[in-house]
Amino acid sequence: MAFVVPAEIGHAPYSAPLIEYFASHFAVLHIVAVRDKLFPDLSEDCWLLFAEGFGQSTGEIRFSSMPRFKRMGVPPKTFIRVPMIDWRAWGCRLRPFLMQANARKLYRGVVEDGQTKRFGELANIGIGYVTGANSFFHLRPSEASRLRIPKQLLHPTVRNGRALPKQRLTASTVGVWKENDEPILLLRMPKSGPVPASVARYLDSDAGVVAREAYKCRVRDPWYSVPDVQIPDFFLSYMSGLEANLVRNEAGCTCTNSVHSVRLRQGVDSSNLLDIWESPFIKLSSELEGHPLGGGMLKLEPREAGQIAFPEKTALEQVDTTIVEEALTTLREWRHYAVA
């Protein structure tokens, strides 16, 4: 059998049972990764899957990668053998096998070092709050002033990853947002207690009548109190272009679910965190633990972000950056993000 399959077969959790099934029911399982789009007019990247010898089983995946598809009567003769045990060790992902063997060996060596931590061991990583009606709950400074909303009920927020500066979000950046009259003030109402008259008028306005009927608002009590509003230590971009952005929250902002909230675990020293984050190895780890999205984007789910490897600084200094950067370039090219 031969199939055209989504390129997600190389990384998506839901592809693992499929690959396990083929390996346990066919003598040969061969997956062909194609970098250039098989169907240029579609946003979906596609790979090929070939299986033969039904009724038998195999302990390996034959894996071929090619820059572009070319007509062939049989599967490629050139492939690497990926033992199923190795595929499982890589989180049931084939994307790591797009890199050279020396890059995989280097990465596994660092990850398996006893001093290396996963990001999830250092911090709690989750999505920000969900309002259910963003345009209602996010006010511009001019609107808040006109509506006479008390300042103590307004909290500056990061609405998306594009708004984040590099490394540090400071009060001066928030000041610029306010000067530009951007909708960055979250109406942060407590669950109980009196509602100021000015806020009550806003809640009963035409916009409020519409907002309270939105699903997320309708199912919570009271509808106007946005839950899970946190003040994280850092923000982490959810979807990124060149690379994921980790930003220290020096301004005390909160964030929507378009940005990850990163709260350090007790006792974790964050003094070197940003320096380590900027290393090529961390960027490579983000590529391997995250996954490509349409348009060349890199997406990091909270679970994936928690798997990013954080070696000790001394271990990073011993890493061969040439190998790491070559692997990094390869993975970015495969998600169609090539650096000029």
C-alpha atoms as a PDB file:
ATOM      1  CA  MET A   1       0.000   0.000   0.000  1.00  0.00           C
ATOM      2  CA  ALA A   2       1.076   3.549  -0.654  1.00  0.00           C
ATOM      3  CA  PHE A   3      -0.397   6.741   0.732  1.00  0.00           C
ATOM      4  CA  VAL A   4       0.063  10.481   0.504  1.00  0.00           C
ATOM      5  CA  VAL A   5      -0.029  11.553   4.160  1.00  0.00           C
ATOM      6  CA  PRO A   6       0.171  14.893   5.992  1.00  0.00           C
ATOM      7  CA  ALA A   7       3.713  15.812   7.045  1.00  0.00           C
ATOM      8  CA  GLU A   8       2.322  15.767  10.599  1.00  0.00           C
ATOM      9  CA  ILE A   9       3.116  12.054  10.500  1.00  0.00           C
ATOM     10  CA  GLY A  10       6.630  13.192  11.385  1.00  0.00           C
ATOM     11  CA  HIS A  11       5.645  14.781  14.698  1.00  0.00           C
ATOM     12  CA  ALA A  12       1.947  14.739  15.640  1.00  0.00           C
ATOM     13  CA  PRO A  13       0.943  12.625  18.676  1.00  0.00           C
ATOM     14  CA  TYR A  14      -2.012  11.194  16.761  1.00  0.00           C
ATOM     15  CA  SER A  15       0.353   9.734  14.136  1.00  0.00           C
ATOM     16  CA  ALA A  16       2.062   7.432  16.651  1.00  0.00           C
ATOM     17  CA  PRO A  17      -0.728   4.798  16.832  1.00  0.00           C
ATOM     18  CA  LEU A  18      -0.821   4.683  13.028  1.00  0.00           C
ATOM     19  CA  ILE A  19       2.912   4.054  12.755  1.00  0.00           C
ATOM     20  CA  GLU A  20       2.750   1.474  15.549  1.00  0.00           C
ATOM     21  CA  TYR A  21      -0.041  -0.324  13.687  1.00  0.00           C
ATOM     22  CA  PHE A  22       1.851  -0.442  10.392  1.00  0.00           C
ATOM     23  CA  ALA A  23       5.018  -1.657  12.113  1.00  0.00           C
ATOM     24  CA  SER A  24       3.145  -4.484  13.807  1.00  0.00           C
ATOM     25  CA  HIS A  25       1.218  -5.559  10.693  1.00  0.00           C
ATOM     26  CA  PHE A  26       3.665  -5.123   7.767  1.00  0.00           C
ATOM     27  CA  ALA A  27       7.133  -6.440   7.014  1.00  0.00           C
ATOM     28  CA  VAL A  28       8.219  -3.109   5.507  1.00  0.00           C
ATOM     29  CA  LEU A  29       7.264   0.389   6.627  1.00  0.00           C
ATOM     30  CA  HIS A  30       8.846   3.147   4.560  1.00  0.00           C
ATOM     31  CA  ILE A  31       8.158   6.864   5.067  1.00  0.00           C
ATOM     32  CA  VAL A  32       9.414   9.421   2.559  1.00  0.00           C
ATOM     33  CA  ALA A  33       9.758  13.030   3.690  1.00  0.00           C
ATOM     34  CA  VAL A  34       9.467  15.621   0.905  1.00  0.00           C
ATOM     35  CA  ARG A  35      10.621  19.151   1.721  1.00  0.00           C
ATOM     36  CA  ASP A  36       9.050  21.097  -1.167  1.00  0.00           C
ATOM     37  CA  LYS A  37       5.291  21.007  -1.358  1.00  0.00           C
ATOM     38  CA  LEU A  38       3.798  18.105  -3.282  1.00  0.00           C
ATOM     39  CA  PHE A  39       0.762  20.294  -3.954  1.00  0.00           C
ATOM     40  CA  PRO A  40       1.921  23.926  -4.270  1.00  0.00           C
ATOM     41  CA  ASP A  41      -1.612  25.337  -4.071  1.00  0.00           C
ATOM     42  CA  LEU A  42      -2.281  23.717  -0.683  1.00  0.00           C
ATOM     43  CA  SER A  43      -1.012  24.937   2.681  1.00  0.00           C
ATOM     44  CA  GLU A  44      -0.506  21.321   3.802  1.00  0.00           C
ATOM     45  CA  ASP A  45       2.917  19.723   3.529  1.00  0.00           C
ATOM     46  CA  CYS A  46       2.718  16.088   2.457  1.00  0.00           C
ATOM     47  CA  TRP A  47       4.945  13.048   2.847  1.00  0.00           C
ATOM     48  CA  LEU A  48       4.608   9.513   1.471  1.00  0.00           C
ATOM     49  CA  LEU A  49       4.008   6.248   3.280  1.00  0.00           C
ATOM     50  CA  PHE A  50       4.654   2.798   1.789  1.00  0.00           C
ATOM     51  CA  ALA A  51       3.938  -0.572   3.407  1.00  0.00           C
ATOM     52  CA  GLU A  52       4.222  -4.148   2.168  1.00  0.00           C
ATOM     53  CA  GLY A  53       4.219  -7.667   3.578  1.00  0.00           C
ATOM     54  CA  PHE A  54       0.867  -7.619   5.362  1.00  0.00           C
ATOM     55  CA  GLY A  55       0.576 -10.133   8.155  1.00  0.00           C
ATOM     56  CA  GLN A  56       4.190  -9.724   9.260  1.00  0.00           C
ATOM     57  CA  SER A  57       5.893  -7.083  11.377  1.00  0.00           C
ATOM     58  CA  THR A  58       9.006  -4.947  11.465  1.00  0.00           C
ATOM     59  CA  GLY A  59      11.168  -3.423  14.167  1.00  0.00           C
ATOM     60  CA  GLU A  60      12.251  -0.429  12.089  1.00  0.00           C
ATOM     61  CA  ILE A  61      11.065   2.433   9.922  1.00  0.00           C
ATOM     62  CA  ARG A  62      12.793   3.006   6.623  1.00  0.00           C
ATOM     63  CA  PHE A  63      13.093   6.761   6.345  1.00  0.00           C
ATOM     64  CA  SER A  64      14.037   8.721   3.236  1.00  0.00           C
ATOM     65  CA  SER A  65      14.180  12.481   2.829  1.00  0.00           C
ATOM     66  CA  MET A  66      14.308  14.393  -0.435  1.00  0.00           C
ATOM     67  CA  PRO A  67      14.179  18.079  -1.316  1.00  0.00           C
ATOM     68  CA  ARG A  68      11.427  17.610  -3.906  1.00  0.00           C
ATOM     69  CA  PHE A  69       9.230  14.830  -5.243  1.00  0.00           C
ATOM     70  CA  LYS A  70      10.168  12.993  -8.400  1.00  0.00           C
ATOM     71  CA  ARG A  71       8.252  10.225 -10.112  1.00  0.00           C
ATOM     72  CA  MET A  72       9.331   6.751  -9.071  1.00  0.00           C
ATOM     73  CA  GLY A  73       8.004   3.258  -9.595  1.00  0.00           C
ATOM     74  CA  VAL A  74       9.260   1.955  -6.266  1.00  0.00           C
ATOM     75  CA  PRO A  75      10.193   3.554  -2.933  1.00  0.00           C
ATOM     76  CA  PRO A  76      13.612   5.253  -2.787  1.00  0.00           C
ATOM     77  CA  LYS A  77      16.592   2.930  -2.608  1.00  0.00           C
ATOM     78  CA  THR A  78      18.359   5.340  -0.263  1.00  0.00           C
ATOM     79  CA  PHE A  79      17.078   5.409   3.290  1.00  0.00           C
ATOM     80  CA  ILE A  80      18.162   5.237   6.894  1.00  0.00           C
ATOM     81  CA  ARG A  81      16.913   2.535   9.217  1.00  0.00           C
ATOM     82  CA  VAL A  82      15.184   3.977  12.267  1.00  0.00           C
ATOM     83  CA  PRO A  83      14.654   1.263  14.911  1.00  0.00           C
ATOM     84  CA  MET A  84      11.233   1.571  16.506  1.00  0.00           C
ATOM     85  CA  ILE A  85      12.924   1.857  19.893  1.00  0.00           C
ATOM     86  CA  ASP A  86      14.863   4.928  18.645  1.00  0.00           C
ATOM     87  CA  TRP A  87      11.703   6.461  17.168  1.00  0.00           C
ATOM     88  CA  ARG A  88      10.009   6.066  20.553  1.00  0.00           C
ATOM     89  CA  ALA A  89      13.044   7.535  22.334  1.00  0.00           C
ATOM     90  CA  TRP A  90      12.622  10.655  20.200  1.00  0.00           C
ATOM     91  CA  GLY A  91       9.044  11.071  21.387  1.00  0.00           C
ATOM     92  CA  CYS A  92       7.577   9.130  18.434  1.00  0.00           C
ATOM     93  CA  ARG A  93       8.833  11.796  16.037  1.00  0.00           C
ATOM     94  CA  LEU A  94      10.631  11.461  12.718  1.00  0.00           C
ATOM     95  CA  ARG A  95      11.612  15.131  12.375  1.00  0.00           C
ATOM     96  CA  PRO A  96      14.871  14.568  14.319  1.00  0.00           C
ATOM     97  CA  PHE A  97      15.949  12.155  11.578  1.00  0.00           C
ATOM     98  CA  LEU A  98      15.962  15.005   9.081  1.00  0.00           C
ATOM     99  CA  MET A  99      19.171  16.097  10.848  1.00  0.00           C
ATOM    100  CA  GLN A 100      22.542  14.487  10.349  1.00  0.00           C
ATOM    101  CA  ALA A 101      23.455  11.578  12.634  1.00  0.00           C
ATOM    102  CA  ASN A 102      26.157  13.630  14.383  1.00  0.00           C
ATOM    103  CA  ALA A 103      23.558  16.255  15.371  1.00  0.00           C
ATOM    104  CA  ARG A 104      21.252  13.601  16.810  1.00  0.00           C
ATOM    105  CA  LYS A 105      24.139  12.074  18.746  1.00  0.00           C
ATOM    106  CA  LEU A 106      25.172  15.475  20.113  1.00  0.00           C
ATOM    107  CA  TYR A 107      21.617  16.351  21.134  1.00  0.00           C
ATOM    108  CA  ARG A 108      20.944  13.035  22.855  1.00  0.00           C
ATOM    109  CA  GLY A 109      24.258  13.275  24.677  1.00  0.00           C
ATOM    110  CA  VAL A 110      23.384  16.666  26.133  1.00  0.00           C
ATOM    111  CA  VAL A 111      19.784  15.721  26.961  1.00  0.00           C
ATOM    112  CA  GLU A 112      20.846  12.533  28.729  1.00  0.00           C
ATOM    113  CA  ASP A 113      23.416  14.366  30.836  1.00  0.00           C
ATOM    114  CA  GLY A 114      22.292  14.172  34.450  1.00  0.00           C
ATOM    115  CA  GLN A 115      22.646  17.939  34.899  1.00  0.00           C
ATOM    116  CA  THR A 116      20.351  18.831  31.997  1.00  0.00           C
ATOM    117  CA  LYS A 117      16.828  19.888  32.956  1.00  0.00           C
ATOM    118  CA  ARG A 118      13.654  20.100  30.934  1.00  0.00           C
ATOM    119  CA  PHE A 119      11.949  23.482  30.903  1.00  0.00           C
ATOM    120  CA  GLY A 120       8.948  21.935  32.649  1.00  0.00           C
ATOM    121  CA  GLU A 121      11.196  21.057  35.592  1.00  0.00           C
ATOM    122  CA  LEU A 122      12.153  24.714  35.941  1.00  0.00           C
ATOM    123  CA  ALA A 123       8.780  26.346  35.396  1.00  0.00           C
ATOM    124  CA  ASN A 124       5.046  25.873  35.049  1.00  0.00           C
ATOM    125  CA  ILE A 125       4.149  26.641  31.440  1.00  0.00           C
ATOM    126  CA  GLY A 126       0.551  27.223  30.449  1.00  0.00           C
ATOM    127  CA  ILE A 127      -1.724  29.358  28.367  1.00  0.00           C
ATOM    128  CA  GLY A 128      -2.947  32.742  29.529  1.00  0.00           C
ATOM    129  CA  TYR A 129      -6.544  33.667  30.309  1.00  0.00           C
ATOM    130  CA  VAL A 130      -9.534  33.368  27.968  1.00  0.00           C
ATOM    131  CA  THR A 131     -12.012  36.256  28.095  1.00  0.00           C
ATOM    132  CA  GLY A 132     -14.594  34.876  25.662  1.00  0.00           C
ATOM    133  CA  ALA A 133     -15.049  38.401  24.287  1.00  0.00           C
ATOM    134  CA  ASN A 134     -11.712  40.095  23.755  1.00  0.00           C
ATOM    135  CA  SER A 135     -13.000  43.307  22.218  1.00  0.00           C
ATOM    136  CA  PHE A 136     -15.223  43.882  25.258  1.00  0.00           C
ATOM    137  CA  PHE A 137     -12.759  43.039  28.015  1.00  0.00           C
ATOM    138  CA  HIS A 138      -9.720  44.769  26.460  1.00  0.00           C
ATOM    139  CA  LEU A 139     -10.006  48.523  26.627  1.00  0.00           C
ATOM    140  CA  ARG A 140      -7.979  51.330  25.171  1.00  0.00           C
ATOM    141  CA  PRO A 141      -6.777  53.905  27.743  1.00  0.00           C
ATOM    142  CA  SER A 142      -9.016  56.518  26.102  1.00  0.00           C
ATOM    143  CA  GLU A 143     -12.047  54.198  26.413  1.00  0.00           C
ATOM    144  CA  ALA A 144     -11.298  53.387  30.032  1.00  0.00           C
ATOM    145  CA  SER A 145     -11.011  57.102  30.792  1.00  0.00           C
ATOM    146  CA  ARG A 146     -14.241  57.958  28.953  1.00  0.00           C
ATOM    147  CA  LEU A 147     -16.102  55.146  30.713  1.00  0.00           C
ATOM    148  CA  ARG A 148     -14.554  56.148  34.085  1.00  0.00           C
ATOM    149  CA  ILE A 149     -13.457  52.599  34.847  1.00  0.00           C
ATOM    150  CA  PRO A 150     -11.498  52.602  38.147  1.00  0.00           C
ATOM    151  CA  LYS A 151      -7.786  52.110  37.532  1.00  0.00           C
ATOM    152  CA  GLN A 152      -7.562  49.321  40.105  1.00  0.00           C
ATOM    153  CA  LEU A 153      -9.857  47.216  37.888  1.00  0.00           C
ATOM    154  CA  LEU A 154      -7.627  47.576  34.835  1.00  0.00           C
ATOM    155  CA  HIS A 155      -4.500  45.507  34.259  1.00  0.00           C
ATOM    156  CA  PRO A 156      -2.031  45.831  31.354  1.00  0.00           C
ATOM    157  CA  THR A 157      -1.869  42.685  29.264  1.00  0.00           C
ATOM    158  CA  VAL A 158       0.061  41.082  26.416  1.00  0.00           C
ATOM    159  CA  ARG A 159      -2.506  40.176  23.780  1.00  0.00           C
ATOM    160  CA  ASN A 160      -0.243  38.333  21.330  1.00  0.00           C
ATOM    161  CA  GLY A 161       3.345  37.311  20.737  1.00  0.00           C
ATOM    162  CA  ARG A 162       3.912  40.034  18.129  1.00  0.00           C
ATOM    163  CA  ALA A 163       3.657  42.647  20.876  1.00  0.00           C
ATOM    164  CA  LEU A 164       6.519  41.161  22.860  1.00  0.00           C
ATOM    165  CA  PRO A 165       9.916  42.873  22.724  1.00  0.00           C
ATOM    166  CA  LYS A 166      13.128  40.890  22.834  1.00  0.00           C
ATOM    167  CA  GLN A 167      14.050  39.433  26.243  1.00  0.00           C
ATOM    168  CA  ARG A 168      12.458  42.032  28.559  1.00  0.00           C
ATOM    169  CA  LEU A 169       9.044  43.630  28.843  1.00  0.00           C
ATOM    170  CA  THR A 170       9.460  46.835  30.833  1.00  0.00           C
ATOM    171  CA  ALA A 171       7.186  49.562  32.152  1.00  0.00           C
ATOM    172  CA  SER A 172       8.476  51.875  29.417  1.00  0.00           C
ATOM    173  CA  THR A 173       7.202  49.492  26.735  1.00  0.00           C
ATOM    174  CA  VAL A 174       3.784  49.412  28.381  1.00  0.00           C
ATOM    175  CA  GLY A 175       3.948  53.208  28.502  1.00  0.00           C
ATOM    176  CA  VAL A 176       4.402  53.309  24.732  1.00  0.00           C
ATOM    177  CA  TRP A 177       1.390  51.005  24.300  1.00  0.00           C
ATOM    178  CA  LYS A 178      -0.685  53.394  26.401  1.00  0.00           C
ATOM    179  CA  GLU A 179       0.547  56.438  24.484  1.00  0.00           C
ATOM    180  CA  ASN A 180      -0.495  54.694  21.265  1.00  0.00           C
ATOM    181  CA  ASP A 181      -3.901  54.047  22.823  1.00  0.00           C
ATOM    182  CA  GLU A 182      -3.727  50.320  22.161  1.00  0.00           C
ATOM    183  CA  PRO A 183      -6.390  47.984  23.656  1.00  0.00           C
ATOM    184  CA  ILE A 184      -4.090  46.596  26.337  1.00  0.00           C
ATOM    185  CA  LEU A 185      -6.088  47.165  29.520  1.00  0.00           C
ATOM    186  CA  LEU A 186      -7.883  44.069  30.795  1.00  0.00           C
ATOM    187  CA  LEU A 187     -11.075  44.662  32.736  1.00  0.00           C
ATOM    188  CA  ARG A 188     -10.191  42.528  35.743  1.00  0.00           C
ATOM    189  CA  MET A 189     -13.251  42.129  37.914  1.00  0.00           C
ATOM    190  CA  PRO A 190     -13.308  40.042  41.106  1.00  0.00           C
ATOM    191  CA  LYS A 191     -15.852  37.230  41.437  1.00  0.00           C
ATOM    192  CA  SER A 192     -17.617  38.891  44.339  1.00  0.00           C
ATOM    193  CA  GLY A 193     -18.063  42.309  45.856  1.00  0.00           C
ATOM    194  CA  PRO A 194     -19.769  45.518  44.772  1.00  0.00           C
ATOM    195  CA  VAL A 195     -19.656  46.596  41.126  1.00  0.00           C
ATOM    196  CA  PRO A 196     -18.855  50.296  40.669  1.00  0.00           C
ATOM    197  CA  ALA A 197     -21.609  52.260  38.948  1.00  0.00           C
ATOM    198  CA  SER A 198     -19.423  53.125  35.963  1.00  0.00           C
ATOM    199  CA  VAL A 199     -18.557  49.462  35.439  1.00  0.00           C
ATOM    200  CA  ALA A 200     -22.201  48.441  35.821  1.00  0.00           C
ATOM    201  CA  ARG A 201     -23.132  50.857  33.047  1.00  0.00           C
ATOM    202  CA  TYR A 202     -20.478  49.343  30.806  1.00  0.00           C
ATOM    203  CA  LEU A 203     -21.597  45.781  31.600  1.00  0.00           C
ATOM    204  CA  ASP A 204     -25.173  46.723  30.682  1.00  0.00           C
ATOM    205  CA  SER A 205     -24.187  48.558  27.492  1.00  0.00           C
ATOM    206  CA  ASP A 206     -25.025  47.153  24.057  1.00  0.00           C
ATOM    207  CA  ALA A 207     -21.511  45.686  23.859  1.00  0.00           C
ATOM    208  CA  GLY A 208     -21.978  44.073  27.267  1.00  0.00           C
ATOM    209  CA  VAL A 209     -25.303  42.519  26.277  1.00  0.00           C
ATOM    210  CA  VAL A 210     -23.588  40.914  23.285  1.00  0.00           C
ATOM    211  CA  ALA A 211     -20.506  39.826  25.263  1.00  0.00           C
ATOM    212  CA  ARG A 212     -22.433  38.045  28.010  1.00  0.00           C
ATOM    213  CA  GLU A 213     -24.005  35.757  25.395  1.00  0.00           C
ATOM    214  CA  ALA A 214     -20.601  34.497  24.179  1.00  0.00           C
ATOM    215  CA  TYR A 215     -20.073  30.887  25.217  1.00  0.00           C
ATOM    216  CA  LYS A 216     -17.150  31.396  27.639  1.00  0.00           C
ATOM    217  CA  CYS A 217     -18.993  34.270  29.320  1.00  0.00           C
ATOM    218  CA  ARG A 218     -22.319  32.474  29.411  1.00  0.00           C
ATOM    219  CA  VAL A 219     -20.980  29.438  31.276  1.00  0.00           C
ATOM    220  CA  ARG A 220     -19.175  31.266  34.080  1.00  0.00           C
ATOM    221  CA  ASP A 221     -20.534  33.016  37.137  1.00  0.00           C
ATOM    222  CA  PRO A 222     -20.349  35.936  37.189  1.00  0.00           C
ATOM    223  CA  TRP A 223     -19.932  36.305  33.441  1.00  0.00           C
ATOM    224  CA  TYR A 224     -17.833  39.447  33.727  1.00  0.00           C
ATOM    225  CA  SER A 225     -15.079  37.976  35.948  1.00  0.00           C
ATOM    226  CA  VAL A 226     -12.302  36.594  33.716  1.00  0.00           C
ATOM    227  CA  PRO A 227     -10.735  33.529  35.378  1.00  0.00           C
ATOM    228  CA  ASP A 228      -7.101  32.379  35.472  1.00  0.00           C
ATOM    229  CA  VAL A 229      -5.539  35.833  35.252  1.00  0.00           C
ATOM    230  CA  GLN A 230      -1.891  35.357  36.234  1.00  0.00           C
ATOM    231  CA  ILE A 231       1.182  37.545  36.490  1.00  0.00           C
ATOM    232  CA  PRO A 232       3.918  35.262  35.093  1.00  0.00           C
ATOM    233  CA  ASP A 233       7.662  35.596  35.539  1.00  0.00           C
ATOM    234  CA  PHE A 234       8.211  35.225  31.806  1.00  0.00           C
ATOM    235  CA  PHE A 235       6.223  35.133  28.581  1.00  0.00           C
ATOM    236  CA  LEU A 236       6.905  32.608  25.833  1.00  0.00           C
ATOM    237  CA  SER A 237       5.680  33.059  22.277  1.00  0.00           C
ATOM    238  CA  TYR A 238       3.173  30.413  21.226  1.00  0.00           C
ATOM    239  CA  MET A 239       3.718  30.697  17.467  1.00  0.00           C
ATOM    240  CA  SER A 240       6.960  32.100  16.136  1.00  0.00           C
ATOM    241  CA  GLY A 241       8.730  32.870  12.896  1.00  0.00           C
ATOM    242  CA  LEU A 242      12.493  32.548  13.187  1.00  0.00           C
ATOM    243  CA  GLU A 243      12.523  31.364  16.800  1.00  0.00           C
ATOM    244  CA  ALA A 244      10.529  31.244  20.021  1.00  0.00           C
ATOM    245  CA  ASN A 245      10.854  34.343  22.196  1.00  0.00           C
ATOM    246  CA  LEU A 246      11.272  34.144  25.982  1.00  0.00           C
ATOM    247  CA  VAL A 247      10.636  37.502  27.668  1.00  0.00           C
ATOM    248  CA  ARG A 248      11.114  38.476  31.307  1.00  0.00           C
ATOM    249  CA  ASN A 249       7.996  40.153  32.700  1.00  0.00           C
ATOM    250  CA  GLU A 250       9.481  43.208  34.389  1.00  0.00           C
ATOM    251  CA  ALA A 251       6.289  45.231  33.839  1.00  0.00           C
ATOM    252  CA  GLY A 252       3.980  42.968  35.849  1.00  0.00           C
ATOM    253  CA  CYS A 253       1.659  42.337  32.903  1.00  0.00           C
ATOM    254  CA  THR A 254      -0.708  39.435  32.424  1.00  0.00           C
ATOM    255  CA  CYS A 255      -1.400  37.673  29.095  1.00  0.00           C
ATOM    256  CA  THR A 256      -4.077  36.108  26.929  1.00  0.00           C
ATOM    257  CA  ASN A 257      -4.014  32.524  25.676  1.00  0.00           C
ATOM    258  CA  SER A 258      -2.159  33.704  22.567  1.00  0.00           C
ATOM    259  CA  VAL A 259       1.001  33.780  24.706  1.00  0.00           C
ATOM    260  CA  HIS A 260       2.378  31.221  27.136  1.00  0.00           C
ATOM    261  CA  SER A 261       2.597  32.093  30.809  1.00  0.00           C
ATOM    262  CA  VAL A 262       5.860  30.923  32.402  1.00  0.00           C
ATOM    263  CA  ARG A 263       6.004  30.806  36.198  1.00  0.00           C
ATOM    264  CA  LEU A 264       9.263  29.647  37.759  1.00  0.00           C
ATOM    265  CA  ARG A 265       9.165  26.834  40.251  1.00  0.00           C
ATOM    266  CA  GLN A 266      10.234  27.601  43.796  1.00  0.00           C
ATOM    267  CA  GLY A 267      13.982  27.879  44.225  1.00  0.00           C
ATOM    268  CA  VAL A 268      14.807  28.143  40.506  1.00  0.00           C
ATOM    269  CA  ASP A 269      17.557  30.660  39.747  1.00  0.00           C
ATOM    270  CA  SER A 270      16.554  32.708  36.715  1.00  0.00           C
ATOM    271  CA  SER A 271      19.698  34.853  36.500  1.00  0.00           C
ATOM    272  CA  ASN A 272      21.140  32.909  33.542  1.00  0.00           C
ATOM    273  CA  LEU A 273      17.848  31.820  31.985  1.00  0.00           C
ATOM    274  CA  LEU A 274      17.752  34.385  29.186  1.00  0.00           C
ATOM    275  CA  ASP A 275      21.432  33.889  28.341  1.00  0.00           C
ATOM    276  CA  ILE A 276      20.921  30.128  28.038  1.00  0.00           C
ATOM    277  CA  TRP A 277      17.747  30.678  26.015  1.00  0.00           C
ATOM    278  CA  GLU A 278      19.698  32.624  23.397  1.00  0.00           C
ATOM    279  CA  SER A 279      22.105  29.740  22.797  1.00  0.00           C
ATOM    280  CA  PRO A 280      21.903  27.839  19.472  1.00  0.00           C
ATOM    281  CA  PHE A 281      21.311  24.607  21.401  1.00  0.00           C
ATOM    282  CA  ILE A 282      18.105  25.914  23.004  1.00  0.00           C
ATOM    283  CA  LYS A 283      16.918  27.127  19.601  1.00  0.00           C
ATOM    284  CA  LEU A 284      17.546  23.636  18.226  1.00  0.00           C
ATOM    285  CA  SER A 285      15.712  22.081  21.159  1.00  0.00           C
ATOM    286  CA  SER A 286      12.742  24.366  20.481  1.00  0.00           C
ATOM    287  CA  GLU A 287      12.664  23.167  16.858  1.00  0.00           C
ATOM    288  CA  LEU A 288      12.820  19.508  17.906  1.00  0.00           C
ATOM    289  CA  GLU A 289      10.289  19.708  20.712  1.00  0.00           C
ATOM    290  CA  GLY A 290       7.931  22.100  18.911  1.00  0.00           C
ATOM    291  CA  HIS A 291       6.450  21.503  15.482  1.00  0.00           C
ATOM    292  CA  PRO A 292       6.023  23.316  12.164  1.00  0.00           C
ATOM    293  CA  LEU A 293       2.826  25.080  11.259  1.00  0.00           C
ATOM    294  CA  GLY A 294       1.652  26.458   7.935  1.00  0.00           C
ATOM    295  CA  GLY A 295       3.455  29.485   6.573  1.00  0.00           C
ATOM    296  CA  GLY A 296       6.782  28.566   8.131  1.00  0.00           C
ATOM    297  CA  MET A 297       5.665  29.094  11.713  1.00  0.00           C
ATOM    298  CA  LEU A 298       7.082  27.214  14.695  1.00  0.00           C
ATOM    299  CA  LYS A 299       4.408  26.255  17.216  1.00  0.00           C
ATOM    300  CA  LEU A 300       5.077  25.321  20.825  1.00  0.00           C
ATOM    301  CA  GLU A 301       2.247  23.762  22.799  1.00  0.00           C
ATOM    302  CA  PRO A 302       2.694  23.993  26.612  1.00  0.00           C
ATOM    303  CA  ARG A 303       3.552  20.281  26.740  1.00  0.00           C
ATOM    304  CA  GLU A 304       6.155  20.734  24.005  1.00  0.00           C
ATOM    305  CA  ALA A 305       7.642  23.838  25.619  1.00  0.00           C
ATOM    306  CA  GLY A 306       8.008  21.854  28.831  1.00  0.00           C
ATOM    307  CA  GLN A 307      10.281  19.407  26.992  1.00  0.00           C
ATOM    308  CA  ILE A 308      12.826  22.001  25.841  1.00  0.00           C
ATOM    309  CA  ALA A 309      16.225  20.969  27.188  1.00  0.00           C
ATOM    310  CA  PHE A 310      18.153  23.332  29.485  1.00  0.00           C
ATOM    311  CA  PRO A 311      21.759  22.156  29.929  1.00  0.00           C
ATOM    312  CA  GLU A 312      24.116  23.596  32.499  1.00  0.00           C
ATOM    313  CA  LYS A 313      26.002  26.622  31.193  1.00  0.00           C
ATOM    314  CA  THR A 314      29.315  24.741  31.359  1.00  0.00           C
ATOM    315  CA  ALA A 315      27.866  21.936  29.202  1.00  0.00           C
ATOM    316  CA  LEU A 316      26.670  24.472  26.618  1.00  0.00           C
ATOM    317  CA  GLU A 317      30.169  25.884  26.313  1.00  0.00           C
ATOM    318  CA  GLN A 318      31.427  22.455  25.231  1.00  0.00           C
ATOM    319  CA  VAL A 319      28.802  21.935  22.519  1.00  0.00           C
ATOM    320  CA  ASP A 320      30.008  22.007  18.904  1.00  0.00           C
ATOM    321  CA  THR A 321      28.027  25.013  17.657  1.00  0.00           C
ATOM    322  CA  THR A 322      28.850  24.252  14.023  1.00  0.00           C
ATOM    323  CA  ILE A 323      26.930  20.969  14.222  1.00  0.00           C
ATOM    324  CA  VAL A 324      24.074  22.603  16.141  1.00  0.00           C
ATOM    325  CA  GLU A 325      23.708  25.519  13.735  1.00  0.00           C
ATOM    326  CA  GLU A 326      23.782  23.235  10.699  1.00  0.00           C
ATOM    327  CA  ALA A 327      20.985  21.131  12.225  1.00  0.00           C
ATOM    328  CA  LEU A 328      19.058  24.274  13.124  1.00  0.00           C
ATOM    329  CA  THR A 329      19.250  25.526   9.546  1.00  0.00           C
ATOM    330  CA  THR A 330      18.063  22.144   8.249  1.00  0.00           C
ATOM    331  CA  LEU A 331      14.973  22.058  10.469  1.00  0.00           C
ATOM    332  CA  ARG A 332      14.083  25.654   9.634  1.00  0.00           C
ATOM    333  CA  GLU A 333      14.343  24.885   5.929  1.00  0.00           C
ATOM    334  CA  TRP A 334      12.011  21.920   6.389  1.00  0.00           C
ATOM    335  CA  ARG A 335       9.390  24.183   7.925  1.00  0.00           C
ATOM    336  CA  HIS A 336       9.976  26.631   5.042  1.00  0.00           C
ATOM    337  CA  TYR A 337      11.688  29.265   7.132  1.00  0.00           C
ATOM    338  CA  ALA A 338      15.050  29.853   5.508  1.00  0.00           C
ATOM    339  CA  VAL A 339      17.263  32.674   6.746  1.00  0.00           C
ATOM    340  CA  ALA A 340      18.619  34.810   3.925  1.00  0.00           C
END
